[in-house]
Amino acid sequence: MTITQLKYVLAVAENQNFTKAAEKTFVTQPTLSMQIQKLEDELDIIIFDRGKKPIELTDVGRKIVTQARNIVNEANRITDIVDQQKGYIGGEFRLGVIPTVMPTLLPMFLRNFINKYPKVKLKIEELPTDTIIERLEDGHLDAAIAATPLNIESIKERPLYYEPFVGYIPSNHELHNTEKITIEDLDLNNMLLLEDGHCFRDGVINLCKANRNYEDDTFSLESGSFETLVRLANEGLGMTLLPYLHTLEVKSEEKKYLHMFKDPAPAREVSLLYHKSELKMQIIESLRNTIAGVVKGAITFQNVQIISPLPQKFKS
């Protein structure tokens, strides 16, 4: 049994296809098939049911894949130990970022990070929180940036910053002349929301549910981007809430529509996530320090109230 054979098993389990797995592991399909067959012969079991399309794991195959993932991770840790000892910060690093953070945060730190750590090959994907959790647990991401707390046992959370919510209220809205708004002012019946699947949307809904006047039977107009929500608000279709960093990109003539909350301002916690196995920690720490350095000057709020990104029940 070899680490290489276990990596081939994991590749086939992920892709459910020998040809695709061979492409992902940069070997020929016959080589990959032969090595997996050798492993099955050595263990005297069948890992994959090749008679099904797509290929499926057998019952014992599922157990082997779970253990193989642990073994491969521990083998990778040896490389990490050597890299840390040498002070080397480089290699491939797969980072997932949620859609409501990607457009504003990435431009703030990416060039700085690339210039400082040119040997790191960043692969960045925009992914929803559910997919990020799944890929971190499966080892298909090295780290991620998402709204927290998530409280997932297998994933560690390192807060990067706390980003306040800001009201975007057009001139024809009843709250426009209110200098600073409160949670009690919010009405989900008159709120423009991101479409389902965005954790910022869940945070806004949770915030509105904290209001005693919240009703379950609500009207909502939803969109996939903050830019669209702003345009809809400008058309008089309601108000919306934006994350603070996004307000920095609002057009100068629209700044007058931004309304801060009274202290403590509702906010989301944005964290760097990684698996509890703590692989590639030298890159994770470098990434965290770079982001914290650039965001520190952009967000100076002290008195905030963290709103959970996950749906939850509020006491009335």
C-alpha atoms as a PDB file:
ATOM      1  CA  MET A   1       0.000   0.000   0.000  1.00  0.00           C
ATOM      2  CA  THR A   2       1.367   3.414  -0.978  1.00  0.00           C
ATOM      3  CA  ILE A   3       0.361   7.060  -0.499  1.00  0.00           C
ATOM      4  CA  THR A   4       0.147   7.347  -4.288  1.00  0.00           C
ATOM      5  CA  GLN A   5      -2.373   4.502  -4.474  1.00  0.00           C
ATOM      6  CA  LEU A   6      -4.483   6.170  -1.797  1.00  0.00           C
ATOM      7  CA  LYS A   7      -4.397   9.464  -3.707  1.00  0.00           C
ATOM      8  CA  TYR A   8      -5.630   7.624  -6.807  1.00  0.00           C
ATOM      9  CA  VAL A   9      -8.473   6.083  -4.788  1.00  0.00           C
ATOM     10  CA  LEU A  10      -9.497   9.529  -3.521  1.00  0.00           C
ATOM     11  CA  ALA A  11      -9.411  10.944  -7.053  1.00  0.00           C
ATOM     12  CA  VAL A  12     -11.691   8.194  -8.406  1.00  0.00           C
ATOM     13  CA  ALA A  13     -14.041   8.569  -5.427  1.00  0.00           C
ATOM     14  CA  GLU A  14     -14.305  12.302  -6.101  1.00  0.00           C
ATOM     15  CA  ASN A  15     -14.738  12.120  -9.879  1.00  0.00           C
ATOM     16  CA  GLN A  16     -16.628   8.782 -10.066  1.00  0.00           C
ATOM     17  CA  ASN A  17     -14.705   8.114 -13.256  1.00  0.00           C
ATOM     18  CA  PHE A  18     -11.262   6.549 -13.862  1.00  0.00           C
ATOM     19  CA  THR A  19     -10.453   8.690 -16.896  1.00  0.00           C
ATOM     20  CA  LYS A  20     -11.263  11.979 -15.153  1.00  0.00           C
ATOM     21  CA  ALA A  21      -9.366  10.859 -12.051  1.00  0.00           C
ATOM     22  CA  ALA A  22      -6.305  10.087 -14.186  1.00  0.00           C
ATOM     23  CA  GLU A  23      -6.451  13.557 -15.731  1.00  0.00           C
ATOM     24  CA  LYS A  24      -6.668  15.189 -12.303  1.00  0.00           C
ATOM     25  CA  THR A  25      -3.681  13.197 -10.991  1.00  0.00           C
ATOM     26  CA  PHE A  26      -1.623  13.643 -14.183  1.00  0.00           C
ATOM     27  CA  VAL A  27      -1.166   9.944 -14.971  1.00  0.00           C
ATOM     28  CA  THR A  28      -2.490   7.694 -17.711  1.00  0.00           C
ATOM     29  CA  GLN A  29      -5.771   5.913 -17.094  1.00  0.00           C
ATOM     30  CA  PRO A  30      -4.171   2.425 -17.362  1.00  0.00           C
ATOM     31  CA  THR A  31      -1.553   3.381 -14.747  1.00  0.00           C
ATOM     32  CA  LEU A  32      -4.181   4.627 -12.323  1.00  0.00           C
ATOM     33  CA  SER A  33      -6.419   1.581 -12.865  1.00  0.00           C
ATOM     34  CA  MET A  34      -3.512  -0.797 -12.394  1.00  0.00           C
ATOM     35  CA  GLN A  35      -2.436   0.795  -9.104  1.00  0.00           C
ATOM     36  CA  ILE A  36      -5.966   0.698  -7.687  1.00  0.00           C
ATOM     37  CA  GLN A  37      -6.308  -2.925  -8.804  1.00  0.00           C
ATOM     38  CA  LYS A  38      -3.049  -3.751  -7.013  1.00  0.00           C
ATOM     39  CA  LEU A  39      -4.368  -2.165  -3.829  1.00  0.00           C
ATOM     40  CA  GLU A  40      -7.628  -4.104  -4.063  1.00  0.00           C
ATOM     41  CA  ASP A  41      -5.699  -7.341  -4.638  1.00  0.00           C
ATOM     42  CA  GLU A  42      -3.428  -6.635  -1.672  1.00  0.00           C
ATOM     43  CA  LEU A  43      -6.379  -5.957   0.631  1.00  0.00           C
ATOM     44  CA  ASP A  44      -8.494  -8.701  -0.976  1.00  0.00           C
ATOM     45  CA  ILE A  45     -11.517  -6.409  -1.294  1.00  0.00           C
ATOM     46  CA  ILE A  46     -13.336  -4.360  -3.961  1.00  0.00           C
ATOM     47  CA  ILE A  47     -13.218  -0.598  -3.417  1.00  0.00           C
ATOM     48  CA  PHE A  48     -15.242   0.475  -6.464  1.00  0.00           C
ATOM     49  CA  ASP A  49     -18.325  -1.020  -8.084  1.00  0.00           C
ATOM     50  CA  ARG A  50     -17.234  -0.692 -11.696  1.00  0.00           C
ATOM     51  CA  GLY A  51     -20.504  -2.099 -13.012  1.00  0.00           C
ATOM     52  CA  LYS A  52     -22.400   1.073 -12.166  1.00  0.00           C
ATOM     53  CA  LYS A  53     -22.362   4.365 -14.063  1.00  0.00           C
ATOM     54  CA  PRO A  54     -21.121   6.563 -12.579  1.00  0.00           C
ATOM     55  CA  ILE A  55     -18.743   4.371 -10.573  1.00  0.00           C
ATOM     56  CA  GLU A  56     -19.781   3.919  -6.961  1.00  0.00           C
ATOM     57  CA  LEU A  57     -17.929   3.024  -3.780  1.00  0.00           C
ATOM     58  CA  THR A  58     -18.688  -0.298  -2.144  1.00  0.00           C
ATOM     59  CA  ASP A  59     -19.552  -0.332   1.559  1.00  0.00           C
ATOM     60  CA  VAL A  60     -15.994  -1.172   2.523  1.00  0.00           C
ATOM     61  CA  GLY A  61     -14.775   1.295  -0.105  1.00  0.00           C
ATOM     62  CA  ARG A  62     -16.489   4.174   1.732  1.00  0.00           C
ATOM     63  CA  LYS A  63     -14.645   3.260   4.924  1.00  0.00           C
ATOM     64  CA  ILE A  64     -11.347   3.027   3.071  1.00  0.00           C
ATOM     65  CA  VAL A  65     -11.844   6.435   1.447  1.00  0.00           C
ATOM     66  CA  THR A  66     -12.459   8.022   4.858  1.00  0.00           C
ATOM     67  CA  GLN A  67      -9.266   6.505   6.235  1.00  0.00           C
ATOM     68  CA  ALA A  68      -7.310   7.247   3.049  1.00  0.00           C
ATOM     69  CA  ARG A  69      -8.195  10.926   3.345  1.00  0.00           C
ATOM     70  CA  ASN A  70      -6.831  10.981   6.908  1.00  0.00           C
ATOM     71  CA  ILE A  71      -3.615   9.220   5.847  1.00  0.00           C
ATOM     72  CA  VAL A  72      -3.021  11.523   2.873  1.00  0.00           C
ATOM     73  CA  ASN A  73      -3.612  14.589   5.068  1.00  0.00           C
ATOM     74  CA  GLU A  74      -1.108  13.334   7.626  1.00  0.00           C
ATOM     75  CA  ALA A  75       1.414  12.642   4.865  1.00  0.00           C
ATOM     76  CA  ASN A  76       0.935  16.187   3.608  1.00  0.00           C
ATOM     77  CA  ARG A  77       1.634  17.411   7.136  1.00  0.00           C
ATOM     78  CA  ILE A  78       5.218  16.110   6.805  1.00  0.00           C
ATOM     79  CA  THR A  79       5.734  18.435   3.855  1.00  0.00           C
ATOM     80  CA  ASP A  80       4.272  21.271   5.940  1.00  0.00           C
ATOM     81  CA  ILE A  81       6.700  20.564   8.774  1.00  0.00           C
ATOM     82  CA  VAL A  82       9.652  20.699   6.384  1.00  0.00           C
ATOM     83  CA  ASP A  83       8.380  23.904   4.743  1.00  0.00           C
ATOM     84  CA  GLN A  84       7.912  25.588   8.106  1.00  0.00           C
ATOM     85  CA  GLN A  85      11.361  24.522   9.250  1.00  0.00           C
ATOM     86  CA  LYS A  86      12.870  26.033   6.100  1.00  0.00           C
ATOM     87  CA  GLY A  87      10.709  29.145   6.371  1.00  0.00           C
ATOM     88  CA  TYR A  88       9.289  28.400   2.934  1.00  0.00           C
ATOM     89  CA  ILE A  89       5.948  29.972   2.008  1.00  0.00           C
ATOM     90  CA  GLY A  90       4.875  28.665  -1.377  1.00  0.00           C
ATOM     91  CA  GLY A  91       3.061  26.035  -3.390  1.00  0.00           C
ATOM     92  CA  GLU A  92      -0.574  25.689  -4.421  1.00  0.00           C
ATOM     93  CA  PHE A  93      -3.172  27.118  -2.055  1.00  0.00           C
ATOM     94  CA  ARG A  94      -6.905  26.720  -2.710  1.00  0.00           C
ATOM     95  CA  LEU A  95      -9.066  29.478  -1.228  1.00  0.00           C
ATOM     96  CA  GLY A  96     -12.861  29.734  -1.239  1.00  0.00           C
ATOM     97  CA  VAL A  97     -14.629  33.087  -0.734  1.00  0.00           C
ATOM     98  CA  ILE A  98     -18.352  33.745  -0.318  1.00  0.00           C
ATOM     99  CA  PRO A  99     -19.990  35.954  -3.005  1.00  0.00           C
ATOM    100  CA  THR A 100     -20.849  38.851  -0.658  1.00  0.00           C
ATOM    101  CA  VAL A 101     -17.203  39.200   0.402  1.00  0.00           C
ATOM    102  CA  MET A 102     -15.319  38.443  -2.835  1.00  0.00           C
ATOM    103  CA  PRO A 103     -15.954  41.710  -4.813  1.00  0.00           C
ATOM    104  CA  THR A 104     -14.945  44.073  -2.005  1.00  0.00           C
ATOM    105  CA  LEU A 105     -12.264  42.213  -0.031  1.00  0.00           C
ATOM    106  CA  LEU A 106     -10.298  40.566  -2.840  1.00  0.00           C
ATOM    107  CA  PRO A 107      -9.159  43.816  -4.529  1.00  0.00           C
ATOM    108  CA  MET A 108      -8.047  45.129  -1.140  1.00  0.00           C
ATOM    109  CA  PHE A 109      -5.486  42.421  -0.343  1.00  0.00           C
ATOM    110  CA  LEU A 110      -4.790  40.248  -3.406  1.00  0.00           C
ATOM    111  CA  ARG A 111      -2.086  42.298  -5.133  1.00  0.00           C
ATOM    112  CA  ASN A 112      -0.385  42.939  -1.805  1.00  0.00           C
ATOM    113  CA  PHE A 113      -0.352  39.219  -0.989  1.00  0.00           C
ATOM    114  CA  ILE A 114       0.900  38.165  -4.434  1.00  0.00           C
ATOM    115  CA  ASN A 115       3.728  40.699  -4.325  1.00  0.00           C
ATOM    116  CA  LYS A 116       4.748  39.643  -0.817  1.00  0.00           C
ATOM    117  CA  TYR A 117       4.477  35.877  -1.384  1.00  0.00           C
ATOM    118  CA  PRO A 118       5.220  35.272  -5.085  1.00  0.00           C
ATOM    119  CA  LYS A 119       5.884  31.554  -4.570  1.00  0.00           C
ATOM    120  CA  VAL A 120       2.291  30.902  -3.442  1.00  0.00           C
ATOM    121  CA  LYS A 121       0.062  29.766  -6.298  1.00  0.00           C
ATOM    122  CA  LEU A 122      -3.382  30.972  -5.228  1.00  0.00           C
ATOM    123  CA  LYS A 123      -6.456  29.285  -6.673  1.00  0.00           C
ATOM    124  CA  ILE A 124      -9.495  31.308  -5.632  1.00  0.00           C
ATOM    125  CA  GLU A 125     -13.121  30.251  -6.073  1.00  0.00           C
ATOM    126  CA  GLU A 126     -16.321  32.151  -5.308  1.00  0.00           C
ATOM    127  CA  LEU A 127     -18.503  29.665  -3.439  1.00  0.00           C
ATOM    128  CA  PRO A 128     -21.581  29.641  -1.171  1.00  0.00           C
ATOM    129  CA  THR A 129     -21.043  28.787   2.478  1.00  0.00           C
ATOM    130  CA  ASP A 130     -22.510  25.267   2.239  1.00  0.00           C
ATOM    131  CA  THR A 131     -20.086  24.348  -0.550  1.00  0.00           C
ATOM    132  CA  ILE A 132     -17.179  25.886   1.350  1.00  0.00           C
ATOM    133  CA  ILE A 133     -17.928  23.743   4.406  1.00  0.00           C
ATOM    134  CA  GLU A 134     -18.186  20.613   2.289  1.00  0.00           C
ATOM    135  CA  ARG A 135     -14.913  21.279   0.442  1.00  0.00           C
ATOM    136  CA  LEU A 136     -13.005  22.155   3.594  1.00  0.00           C
ATOM    137  CA  GLU A 137     -14.140  18.903   5.192  1.00  0.00           C
ATOM    138  CA  ASP A 138     -13.261  16.907   2.064  1.00  0.00           C
ATOM    139  CA  GLY A 139      -9.846  18.528   1.743  1.00  0.00           C
ATOM    140  CA  HIS A 140     -10.639  20.231  -1.570  1.00  0.00           C
ATOM    141  CA  LEU A 141     -10.027  23.692  -0.090  1.00  0.00           C
ATOM    142  CA  ASP A 142      -7.081  24.746   2.056  1.00  0.00           C
ATOM    143  CA  ALA A 143      -8.928  27.715   3.557  1.00  0.00           C
ATOM    144  CA  ALA A 144     -11.925  29.971   3.021  1.00  0.00           C
ATOM    145  CA  ILE A 145     -13.309  33.376   3.899  1.00  0.00           C
ATOM    146  CA  ALA A 146     -16.924  33.412   5.075  1.00  0.00           C
ATOM    147  CA  ALA A 147     -19.346  34.936   7.560  1.00  0.00           C
ATOM    148  CA  THR A 148     -19.249  33.311  10.975  1.00  0.00           C
ATOM    149  CA  PRO A 149     -19.893  31.914  13.544  1.00  0.00           C
ATOM    150  CA  LEU A 150     -20.686  28.587  11.884  1.00  0.00           C
ATOM    151  CA  ASN A 151     -19.773  26.302  14.805  1.00  0.00           C
ATOM    152  CA  ILE A 152     -18.658  23.335  12.701  1.00  0.00           C
ATOM    153  CA  GLU A 153     -16.616  20.909  14.812  1.00  0.00           C
ATOM    154  CA  SER A 154     -14.150  20.005  12.046  1.00  0.00           C
ATOM    155  CA  ILE A 155     -13.478  23.619  10.985  1.00  0.00           C
ATOM    156  CA  LYS A 156     -11.548  26.325  12.796  1.00  0.00           C
ATOM    157  CA  GLU A 157     -12.607  29.978  12.592  1.00  0.00           C
ATOM    158  CA  ARG A 158     -10.194  32.927  12.875  1.00  0.00           C
ATOM    159  CA  PRO A 159     -12.038  36.270  12.796  1.00  0.00           C
ATOM    160  CA  LEU A 160     -10.602  38.768  10.310  1.00  0.00           C
ATOM    161  CA  TYR A 161     -12.922  41.726  10.850  1.00  0.00           C
ATOM    162  CA  TYR A 162     -16.403  42.802  11.942  1.00  0.00           C
ATOM    163  CA  GLU A 163     -18.370  44.470   9.168  1.00  0.00           C
ATOM    164  CA  PRO A 164     -21.370  46.617  10.155  1.00  0.00           C
ATOM    165  CA  PHE A 165     -24.667  46.594   8.249  1.00  0.00           C
ATOM    166  CA  VAL A 166     -25.589  49.904   6.616  1.00  0.00           C
ATOM    167  CA  GLY A 167     -29.050  50.969   5.487  1.00  0.00           C
ATOM    168  CA  TYR A 168     -29.522  52.156   1.899  1.00  0.00           C
ATOM    169  CA  ILE A 169     -32.689  54.274   2.058  1.00  0.00           C
ATOM    170  CA  PRO A 170     -33.835  56.325  -0.979  1.00  0.00           C
ATOM    171  CA  SER A 171     -35.392  59.778  -0.588  1.00  0.00           C
ATOM    172  CA  ASN A 172     -38.979  58.544  -1.056  1.00  0.00           C
ATOM    173  CA  HIS A 173     -38.733  56.086   1.844  1.00  0.00           C
ATOM    174  CA  GLU A 174     -40.303  56.918   5.207  1.00  0.00           C
ATOM    175  CA  LEU A 175     -36.986  56.355   7.017  1.00  0.00           C
ATOM    176  CA  HIS A 176     -34.926  58.602   4.753  1.00  0.00           C
ATOM    177  CA  ASN A 177     -34.946  61.544   7.175  1.00  0.00           C
ATOM    178  CA  THR A 178     -33.967  59.344  10.126  1.00  0.00           C
ATOM    179  CA  GLU A 179     -30.327  60.186  10.870  1.00  0.00           C
ATOM    180  CA  LYS A 180     -29.466  56.821  12.436  1.00  0.00           C
ATOM    181  CA  ILE A 181     -31.741  53.810  12.154  1.00  0.00           C
ATOM    182  CA  THR A 182     -32.394  51.013  14.649  1.00  0.00           C
ATOM    183  CA  ILE A 183     -33.268  47.344  14.346  1.00  0.00           C
ATOM    184  CA  GLU A 184     -36.814  48.244  15.404  1.00  0.00           C
ATOM    185  CA  ASP A 185     -37.140  50.436  12.288  1.00  0.00           C
ATOM    186  CA  LEU A 186     -36.688  47.479   9.947  1.00  0.00           C
ATOM    187  CA  ASP A 187     -39.664  45.969   8.152  1.00  0.00           C
ATOM    188  CA  LEU A 188     -39.060  42.799   6.173  1.00  0.00           C
ATOM    189  CA  ASN A 189     -42.231  43.542   4.169  1.00  0.00           C
ATOM    190  CA  ASN A 190     -40.425  46.557   2.717  1.00  0.00           C
ATOM    191  CA  MET A 191     -36.917  45.091   2.469  1.00  0.00           C
ATOM    192  CA  LEU A 192     -35.029  44.245  -0.715  1.00  0.00           C
ATOM    193  CA  LEU A 193     -33.052  41.030  -0.180  1.00  0.00           C
ATOM    194  CA  LEU A 194     -30.360  38.992  -1.857  1.00  0.00           C
ATOM    195  CA  GLU A 195     -31.703  35.798  -3.372  1.00  0.00           C
ATOM    196  CA  ASP A 196     -31.807  32.577  -1.373  1.00  0.00           C
ATOM    197  CA  GLY A 197     -28.414  30.955  -0.797  1.00  0.00           C
ATOM    198  CA  HIS A 198     -26.538  34.068   0.396  1.00  0.00           C
ATOM    199  CA  CYS A 199     -25.611  34.065   4.074  1.00  0.00           C
ATOM    200  CA  PHE A 200     -25.867  37.881   4.174  1.00  0.00           C
ATOM    201  CA  ARG A 201     -29.520  37.446   3.239  1.00  0.00           C
ATOM    202  CA  ASP A 202     -30.002  35.090   6.198  1.00  0.00           C
ATOM    203  CA  GLY A 203     -28.297  37.604   8.448  1.00  0.00           C
ATOM    204  CA  VAL A 204     -30.680  40.366   7.346  1.00  0.00           C
ATOM    205  CA  ILE A 205     -33.697  38.110   7.876  1.00  0.00           C
ATOM    206  CA  ASN A 206     -32.440  37.158  11.340  1.00  0.00           C
ATOM    207  CA  LEU A 207     -31.962  40.832  12.107  1.00  0.00           C
ATOM    208  CA  CYS A 208     -35.526  41.622  11.049  1.00  0.00           C
ATOM    209  CA  LYS A 209     -36.866  38.691  13.048  1.00  0.00           C
ATOM    210  CA  ALA A 210     -35.398  40.293  16.144  1.00  0.00           C
ATOM    211  CA  ASN A 211     -38.000  43.014  15.622  1.00  0.00           C
ATOM    212  CA  ARG A 212     -41.257  42.249  17.451  1.00  0.00           C
ATOM    213  CA  ASN A 213     -43.213  43.537  14.441  1.00  0.00           C
ATOM    214  CA  TYR A 214     -41.831  40.834  12.149  1.00  0.00           C
ATOM    215  CA  GLU A 215     -44.436  38.756  10.317  1.00  0.00           C
ATOM    216  CA  ASP A 216     -43.754  35.414   8.627  1.00  0.00           C
ATOM    217  CA  ASP A 217     -46.074  36.209   5.714  1.00  0.00           C
ATOM    218  CA  THR A 218     -43.887  38.800   4.017  1.00  0.00           C
ATOM    219  CA  PHE A 219     -43.378  40.192   0.546  1.00  0.00           C
ATOM    220  CA  SER A 220     -39.807  40.331  -0.659  1.00  0.00           C
ATOM    221  CA  LEU A 221     -38.114  41.272  -3.902  1.00  0.00           C
ATOM    222  CA  GLU A 222     -34.845  39.371  -4.253  1.00  0.00           C
ATOM    223  CA  SER A 223     -31.752  39.763  -6.417  1.00  0.00           C
ATOM    224  CA  GLY A 224     -28.337  38.167  -6.895  1.00  0.00           C
ATOM    225  CA  SER A 225     -26.232  41.295  -6.349  1.00  0.00           C
ATOM    226  CA  PHE A 226     -26.007  44.361  -4.138  1.00  0.00           C
ATOM    227  CA  GLU A 227     -25.737  46.566  -7.224  1.00  0.00           C
ATOM    228  CA  THR A 228     -29.176  45.420  -8.378  1.00  0.00           C
ATOM    229  CA  LEU A 229     -30.631  45.953  -4.903  1.00  0.00           C
ATOM    230  CA  VAL A 230     -29.352  49.536  -4.928  1.00  0.00           C
ATOM    231  CA  ARG A 231     -30.897  50.173  -8.360  1.00  0.00           C
ATOM    232  CA  LEU A 232     -34.223  48.688  -7.233  1.00  0.00           C
ATOM    233  CA  ALA A 233     -34.172  50.868  -4.116  1.00  0.00           C
ATOM    234  CA  ASN A 234     -33.546  53.901  -6.320  1.00  0.00           C
ATOM    235  CA  GLU A 235     -36.707  52.963  -8.241  1.00  0.00           C
ATOM    236  CA  GLY A 236     -38.716  53.275  -5.034  1.00  0.00           C
ATOM    237  CA  LEU A 237     -39.230  49.547  -4.442  1.00  0.00           C
ATOM    238  CA  GLY A 238     -38.006  49.609  -0.858  1.00  0.00           C
ATOM    239  CA  MET A 239     -34.849  49.886   1.208  1.00  0.00           C
ATOM    240  CA  THR A 240     -31.994  47.430   1.565  1.00  0.00           C
ATOM    241  CA  LEU A 241     -29.049  46.698   3.828  1.00  0.00           C
ATOM    242  CA  LEU A 242     -25.454  46.597   2.612  1.00  0.00           C
ATOM    243  CA  PRO A 243     -22.227  45.358   4.198  1.00  0.00           C
ATOM    244  CA  TYR A 244     -20.037  48.325   5.129  1.00  0.00           C
ATOM    245  CA  LEU A 245     -17.186  47.613   2.684  1.00  0.00           C
ATOM    246  CA  HIS A 246     -19.653  47.597  -0.191  1.00  0.00           C
ATOM    247  CA  THR A 247     -20.802  51.127   0.723  1.00  0.00           C
ATOM    248  CA  LEU A 248     -17.303  52.391  -0.102  1.00  0.00           C
ATOM    249  CA  GLU A 249     -18.126  51.714  -3.755  1.00  0.00           C
ATOM    250  CA  VAL A 250     -21.514  53.476  -3.765  1.00  0.00           C
ATOM    251  CA  LYS A 251     -21.605  56.387  -6.220  1.00  0.00           C
ATOM    252  CA  SER A 252     -20.899  59.779  -4.670  1.00  0.00           C
ATOM    253  CA  GLU A 253     -24.349  61.083  -5.565  1.00  0.00           C
ATOM    254  CA  GLU A 254     -25.918  58.119  -3.749  1.00  0.00           C
ATOM    255  CA  LYS A 255     -23.924  58.443  -0.526  1.00  0.00           C
ATOM    256  CA  LYS A 256     -26.744  60.551   0.932  1.00  0.00           C
ATOM    257  CA  TYR A 257     -28.925  57.440   0.947  1.00  0.00           C
ATOM    258  CA  LEU A 258     -26.603  55.579   3.330  1.00  0.00           C
ATOM    259  CA  HIS A 259     -27.763  55.439   6.940  1.00  0.00           C
ATOM    260  CA  MET A 260     -25.739  54.039   9.825  1.00  0.00           C
ATOM    261  CA  PHE A 261     -27.311  52.159  12.730  1.00  0.00           C
ATOM    262  CA  LYS A 262     -27.304  53.442  16.283  1.00  0.00           C
ATOM    263  CA  ASP A 263     -24.755  51.733  18.521  1.00  0.00           C
ATOM    264  CA  PRO A 264     -24.295  48.866  18.841  1.00  0.00           C
ATOM    265  CA  ALA A 265     -24.452  48.544  15.053  1.00  0.00           C
ATOM    266  CA  PRO A 266     -25.529  45.113  13.750  1.00  0.00           C
ATOM    267  CA  ALA A 267     -22.569  43.505  12.010  1.00  0.00           C
ATOM    268  CA  ARG A 268     -21.331  40.286  10.500  1.00  0.00           C
ATOM    269  CA  GLU A 269     -18.182  38.518  11.599  1.00  0.00           C
ATOM    270  CA  VAL A 270     -15.969  37.587   8.629  1.00  0.00           C
ATOM    271  CA  SER A 271     -13.418  34.871   9.350  1.00  0.00           C
ATOM    272  CA  LEU A 272     -10.680  32.810   7.806  1.00  0.00           C
ATOM    273  CA  LEU A 273     -11.736  29.156   7.925  1.00  0.00           C
ATOM    274  CA  TYR A 274      -9.559  26.061   7.701  1.00  0.00           C
ATOM    275  CA  HIS A 275      -9.716  22.387   8.641  1.00  0.00           C
ATOM    276  CA  LYS A 276      -8.772  21.370  12.163  1.00  0.00           C
ATOM    277  CA  SER A 277      -5.899  19.320  10.661  1.00  0.00           C
ATOM    278  CA  GLU A 278      -4.182  22.730  10.228  1.00  0.00           C
ATOM    279  CA  LEU A 279      -2.354  21.963   6.984  1.00  0.00           C
ATOM    280  CA  LYS A 280      -0.435  24.781   5.252  1.00  0.00           C
ATOM    281  CA  MET A 281      -0.583  26.939   8.368  1.00  0.00           C
ATOM    282  CA  GLN A 282       2.376  29.070   7.228  1.00  0.00           C
ATOM    283  CA  ILE A 283       0.322  30.261   4.237  1.00  0.00           C
ATOM    284  CA  ILE A 284      -2.860  30.622   6.301  1.00  0.00           C
ATOM    285  CA  GLU A 285      -1.085  32.864   8.809  1.00  0.00           C
ATOM    286  CA  SER A 286       0.456  34.937   6.012  1.00  0.00           C
ATOM    287  CA  LEU A 287      -2.955  35.345   4.378  1.00  0.00           C
ATOM    288  CA  ARG A 288      -4.591  36.315   7.655  1.00  0.00           C
ATOM    289  CA  ASN A 289      -1.927  38.911   8.485  1.00  0.00           C
ATOM    290  CA  THR A 290      -2.159  40.443   5.009  1.00  0.00           C
ATOM    291  CA  ILE A 291      -5.947  40.761   5.106  1.00  0.00           C
ATOM    292  CA  ALA A 292      -6.045  42.051   8.681  1.00  0.00           C
ATOM    293  CA  GLY A 293      -3.481  44.688   7.775  1.00  0.00           C
ATOM    294  CA  VAL A 294      -5.447  46.175   4.884  1.00  0.00           C
ATOM    295  CA  VAL A 295      -8.911  45.922   6.470  1.00  0.00           C
ATOM    296  CA  LYS A 296      -7.860  47.500   9.742  1.00  0.00           C
ATOM    297  CA  GLY A 297      -7.697  50.922   8.152  1.00  0.00           C
ATOM    298  CA  ALA A 298     -10.976  50.494   6.252  1.00  0.00           C
ATOM    299  CA  ILE A 299     -13.221  49.429   9.150  1.00  0.00           C
ATOM    300  CA  THR A 300     -12.831  51.345  12.406  1.00  0.00           C
ATOM    301  CA  PHE A 301     -16.121  50.504  14.145  1.00  0.00           C
ATOM    302  CA  GLN A 302     -15.757  49.344  17.739  1.00  0.00           C
ATOM    303  CA  ASN A 303     -19.278  48.911  19.125  1.00  0.00           C
ATOM    304  CA  VAL A 304     -20.990  46.230  17.044  1.00  0.00           C
ATOM    305  CA  GLN A 305     -23.521  43.459  17.570  1.00  0.00           C
ATOM    306  CA  ILE A 306     -22.694  40.267  15.669  1.00  0.00           C
ATOM    307  CA  ILE A 307     -25.568  38.810  13.653  1.00  0.00           C
ATOM    308  CA  SER A 308     -25.432  35.089  12.902  1.00  0.00           C
ATOM    309  CA  PRO A 309     -25.298  34.205   9.178  1.00  0.00           C
ATOM    310  CA  LEU A 310     -27.308  31.047   9.827  1.00  0.00           C
ATOM    311  CA  PRO A 311     -31.093  30.935  10.226  1.00  0.00           C
ATOM    312  CA  GLN A 312     -32.060  30.810  13.885  1.00  0.00           C
ATOM    313  CA  LYS A 313     -35.015  31.468  16.162  1.00  0.00           C
ATOM    314  CA  PHE A 314     -35.207  34.759  18.061  1.00  0.00           C
ATOM    315  CA  LYS A 315     -36.992  35.176  21.362  1.00  0.00           C
ATOM    316  CA  SER A 316     -39.837  37.667  21.260  1.00  0.00           C
END
